[in-house]
Each structure stands twice: as C-alpha cells, then as structure tokens.
Protein backbone atom coordinates (compact mmCIF):
# COMPACT_ATOMS: atom_id res chain seq x y z
CA MET A 1 5.81 32.13 14.73
CA ALA A 2 6.31 28.11 13.66
CA GLY A 3 2.85 27.61 13.84
CA TRP A 4 1.89 30.21 11.33
CA THR A 5 4.76 28.57 8.56
CA THR A 6 3.20 25.21 9.34
CA ILE A 7 0.02 26.18 8.37
CA VAL A 8 1.03 28.10 5.03
CA VAL A 9 3.11 25.24 4.23
CA LEU A 10 0.07 23.17 4.70
CA LEU A 11 -1.97 25.17 2.57
CA ALA A 12 0.04 26.03 -0.03
CA LEU A 13 0.63 21.67 -0.81
CA PRO A 14 -3.21 20.97 -2.18
CA ALA A 15 -2.42 24.00 -4.77
CA LEU A 16 1.07 22.75 -5.46
CA HIS A 17 -0.08 19.21 -5.71
CA ALA A 18 -2.82 20.44 -7.86
CA ALA A 19 -0.53 22.17 -10.83
CA LEU A 20 2.03 19.41 -10.52
CA VAL A 21 -0.43 16.72 -11.27
CA ARG A 22 -2.39 16.20 -15.01
CA LEU A 23 -5.63 16.75 -14.65
CA PRO A 24 -8.02 15.00 -17.18
CA SER A 25 -9.25 18.07 -19.08
CA MET A 26 -5.57 18.81 -19.71
CA PRO A 27 -4.16 18.10 -23.23
CA THR A 28 -1.88 15.57 -23.15
CA ARG A 29 1.49 16.07 -24.04
CA GLN A 30 3.08 14.60 -27.50
CA PRO A 31 5.84 12.35 -27.27
CA LEU A 32 9.42 13.51 -28.45
CA PRO A 33 10.42 12.51 -31.82
CA ALA A 34 13.10 9.41 -31.86
CA ARG A 35 16.42 10.87 -31.74
CA PRO A 36 18.12 10.47 -35.46
CA ARG A 37 20.42 7.08 -35.22
CA ARG A 38 23.55 8.15 -34.93
CA VAL A 39 26.29 7.15 -38.16
CA SER A 40 29.52 5.90 -37.35
CA MET A 41 32.23 8.22 -39.36
CA GLU A 42 34.32 5.04 -38.97
CA TYR A 43 36.25 4.03 -42.45
CA ARG A 44 36.44 0.42 -43.23
CA GLU A 45 38.26 -0.72 -46.74
CA THR A 46 35.75 -3.50 -46.91
CA ASP A 47 33.11 -0.62 -47.47
CA ASP A 48 34.95 0.47 -50.20
CA PRO A 49 33.86 -1.16 -53.67
CA GLY A 50 37.46 -0.04 -55.29
CA PHE A 51 38.49 -2.07 -52.36
CA ALA A 52 38.27 -5.29 -53.99
CA ALA A 53 39.98 -4.23 -57.44
CA ALA A 54 42.97 -2.48 -55.33
CA ALA A 55 43.17 -6.00 -53.83
CA ALA A 56 43.84 -7.64 -57.10
CA TRP A 57 45.87 -5.34 -57.96
CA SER A 58 48.03 -5.43 -55.59
CA ALA A 59 48.18 -9.45 -55.76
CA GLY A 60 49.12 -8.73 -59.42
CA LEU A 61 45.89 -10.54 -60.82
CA ALA A 62 44.59 -7.04 -62.44
CA HIS A 63 47.24 -4.94 -63.60
CA GLU A 64 47.61 -4.10 -67.23
CA GLY A 65 50.83 -6.68 -67.98
CA ALA A 66 48.31 -9.36 -66.94
CA GLY A 67 46.80 -9.64 -70.62
CA GLN A 68 43.39 -9.22 -69.25
CA THR A 69 41.13 -6.81 -71.39
CA GLN A 70 39.22 -4.82 -69.19
CA SER A 71 36.28 -2.67 -69.31
CA ALA A 72 36.64 1.31 -69.22
CA GLU A 73 35.01 0.99 -65.63
CA ALA A 74 37.33 -1.82 -64.38
CA ARG A 75 39.89 0.51 -65.87
CA ALA A 76 39.01 3.06 -63.93
CA ARG A 77 38.48 1.20 -60.19
CA SER A 78 41.82 -0.49 -60.63
CA GLN A 79 43.04 3.62 -60.87
CA TYR A 80 41.68 4.07 -57.40
CA MET A 81 43.28 1.80 -54.88
CA HIS A 82 44.54 1.51 -50.85
CA VAL A 83 48.07 0.70 -50.22
CA THR A 84 48.95 -1.02 -47.34
CA SER A 85 53.07 -1.40 -47.49
CA VAL A 86 55.55 0.29 -49.13
CA ASP A 87 56.27 -2.48 -52.05
CA GLU A 88 52.40 -1.18 -52.76
CA LEU A 89 53.29 2.03 -52.82
CA GLU A 90 56.55 1.92 -55.28
CA ARG A 91 54.37 -0.38 -57.55
CA ALA A 92 51.66 1.86 -57.91
CA LEU A 93 54.12 4.75 -58.67
CA SER A 94 55.91 2.98 -61.36
CA MET A 95 52.89 1.97 -63.33
CA GLY A 96 54.13 5.17 -66.07
CA GLN A 97 51.15 6.95 -64.66
CA ARG A 98 50.96 10.25 -63.16
CA SER A 99 49.60 10.03 -59.80
CA LEU A 100 47.76 11.93 -56.77
CA VAL A 101 48.24 10.55 -53.56
CA LEU A 102 46.97 11.18 -50.46
CA PHE A 103 48.82 10.40 -47.39
CA GLY A 104 45.99 9.99 -44.43
CA ALA A 105 44.89 8.08 -41.13
CA LYS A 106 41.80 6.40 -40.74
CA TRP A 107 41.64 8.28 -37.75
CA CYS A 108 41.85 11.09 -39.12
CA PRO A 109 38.73 12.95 -39.81
CA ALA A 110 39.43 14.83 -42.79
CA CYS A 111 41.10 12.08 -44.30
CA ARG A 112 37.95 9.99 -43.82
CA ALA A 113 35.76 12.86 -45.20
CA ILE A 114 38.22 13.53 -48.25
CA VAL A 115 37.89 9.32 -49.61
CA PRO A 116 34.61 9.60 -50.92
CA ARG A 117 35.60 13.01 -52.61
CA MET A 118 38.50 11.00 -54.25
CA LYS A 119 36.55 7.94 -55.68
CA ARG A 120 34.08 10.17 -57.44
CA LEU A 121 37.70 12.46 -59.07
CA ALA A 122 38.94 8.90 -60.16
CA LYS A 123 36.04 7.67 -62.19
CA LYS A 124 36.25 11.30 -63.90
CA HIS A 125 39.97 10.92 -64.32
CA PRO A 126 41.40 7.38 -65.27
CA GLU A 127 44.28 8.65 -66.79
CA VAL A 128 45.56 9.45 -63.22
CA VAL A 129 46.58 6.87 -60.78
CA TRP A 130 44.50 7.97 -57.21
CA VAL A 131 46.11 6.03 -54.01
CA ILE A 132 45.33 6.57 -50.70
CA VAL A 133 48.01 5.40 -47.75
CA HIS A 134 46.77 5.41 -44.45
CA HIS A 135 49.31 5.76 -41.27
CA SER A 136 48.85 3.00 -38.87
CA LYS A 137 50.12 0.47 -36.53
CA ALA A 138 49.36 -1.86 -38.88
CA THR A 139 50.90 -0.41 -42.16
CA ASN A 140 54.13 -0.05 -40.91
CA MET A 141 54.09 3.56 -43.32
CA ASP A 142 56.62 4.98 -41.52
CA ALA A 143 59.52 4.85 -44.12
CA ALA A 144 57.04 6.41 -47.00
CA PHE A 145 55.97 9.00 -44.51
CA SER A 146 59.54 9.58 -44.37
CA ALA A 147 60.63 9.34 -47.44
CA TYR A 148 58.00 11.60 -49.13
CA ASN A 149 58.18 14.29 -46.40
CA ILE A 150 55.10 14.06 -44.78
CA ASN A 151 54.84 15.84 -41.57
CA GLN A 152 50.85 16.62 -41.52
CA LEU A 153 47.49 14.79 -42.33
CA PRO A 154 45.65 14.65 -44.82
CA THR A 155 48.54 15.39 -47.36
CA LEU A 156 48.35 15.46 -51.27
CA THR A 157 51.41 14.45 -53.32
CA PHE A 158 51.42 14.75 -57.02
CA PHE A 159 53.51 12.26 -59.01
CA ASP A 160 55.06 12.24 -62.33
CA GLU A 161 54.84 9.24 -64.50
CA ASN A 162 58.41 8.22 -63.15
CA GLY A 163 56.97 8.19 -59.59
CA ARG A 164 59.15 10.93 -58.76
CA PRO A 165 56.93 13.56 -56.43
CA GLN A 166 56.67 17.09 -58.03
CA SER A 167 54.24 18.98 -55.36
CA SER A 168 52.33 18.25 -51.90
CA GLU A 169 49.91 20.26 -50.28
CA VAL A 170 48.71 19.56 -46.65
CA ILE A 171 44.92 19.81 -46.89
CA GLU A 172 42.89 21.48 -44.35
CA ALA A 173 39.41 20.13 -45.21
CA ALA A 174 37.31 17.47 -47.16
CA HIS A 175 36.41 20.33 -49.37
CA SER A 176 40.17 21.98 -50.11
CA PHE A 177 40.67 18.54 -51.39
CA GLU A 178 38.73 18.88 -54.16
CA VAL A 179 40.02 22.64 -55.01
CA ALA A 180 43.94 21.11 -54.82
CA ALA A 181 42.73 18.06 -56.93
CA ARG A 182 41.45 20.07 -59.44
CA SER A 183 44.14 23.03 -59.71
CA LYS A 184 46.62 19.85 -60.10
CA LEU A 185 44.56 18.38 -62.50
CA ALA A 186 44.04 21.25 -64.12
CA ARG A 187 47.87 22.36 -64.75
CA LEU A 188 48.49 18.79 -66.41
CA ASP A 189 46.11 19.83 -68.90
CA PHE A 190 43.29 17.70 -68.20
CA GLN A 191 39.53 18.56 -68.33
CA PRO A 192 38.49 19.56 -64.59
C-alpha cells in the first residue's frame, strides 16, 4: 500500500510544479498600486496660521489697546486663538466681546477634526472671539476646566461680553460642532 502512495505522489508532483511555476506564455502579473501614504492626524499648533496671531496677542503685541491699526483679515485672525494658560483664557474672555470657547485636547480625534471648521467660522464671524483651550499635562488648565464645569471633551461654551458662561454643549462629532456653533450664532442675531 505504501508503494502506491509514493507512486501517486511522484506522478502528482510534476503537475503541481507546472501549475505553480509561471509559464512564459502566461500573462505577467501587474504590480499592485502603491499604497496611499498614511497622513498623520496629529494636530500641531505651529501648523495653524492663527497660532502666530494668538501668540502675538497673548504677548500683548496685537490687541486693541496697543493702538495698532489692523486690517480686517488680521483682526479676524486675532479673533481665533489657542490659549495655554488660565490667564490667557481670562484675557480672551475680558475683551468685551462674545466668545465661543472650545474645550478639548490634542489627543481627542473629534477635537482635532473641529479645529479646521472653527477656523472657517472664525473668518466668517470676526465679531466673535473664537478660543481653543486644550487640556494637556503641558498646559495646566485643570482650574479652567473645573471652573466652567467641563467634564466631557469636546465641549463648546458660549460666553457673553462680560466673560460669563451662557451655555455649554458637548460636541459628539465634527459636523455637530458646526451645527451647534451656527445655532448659537443665530440666537445672537448673527448671519450664519
């Protein structure tokens, strides 16, 4: 019995070999297309064009009391800022304008997805101060998060001209940020 099994295996090997080896008459296989390069979703403040304006503002170089005349575009850019300390947040809220503050974190995917949408709305509505507060170990913003009762990220909070919180809303996805921001703007009689 063992002899027949050996003969069958020996006869099947050339057929198996011929099936596995590419014959010259067979069409050549096309290479797979290159895989798309994976894009990093990490948000860096230095990639943000509004970061320089916010840095200048926080240094006291580009705020209204400095006596500098600014173009409408520069003024709009300065109305969008990242704050990294409680003092900067208090300064932003004491500008005498209504503010929309996004409390988030750099590690939060929804927070990172909201940033470009917030920039677009800030350009359309320079009459509102748009502030991003990121929670991290580097920026000790625990006091601000506690003071405004921020328990979930991202949270959008509207502040009146006196810097008092008026309403807060937890944002579940980037598209819901735009809906929430536009509804807050509409309630303020702004053009969405």
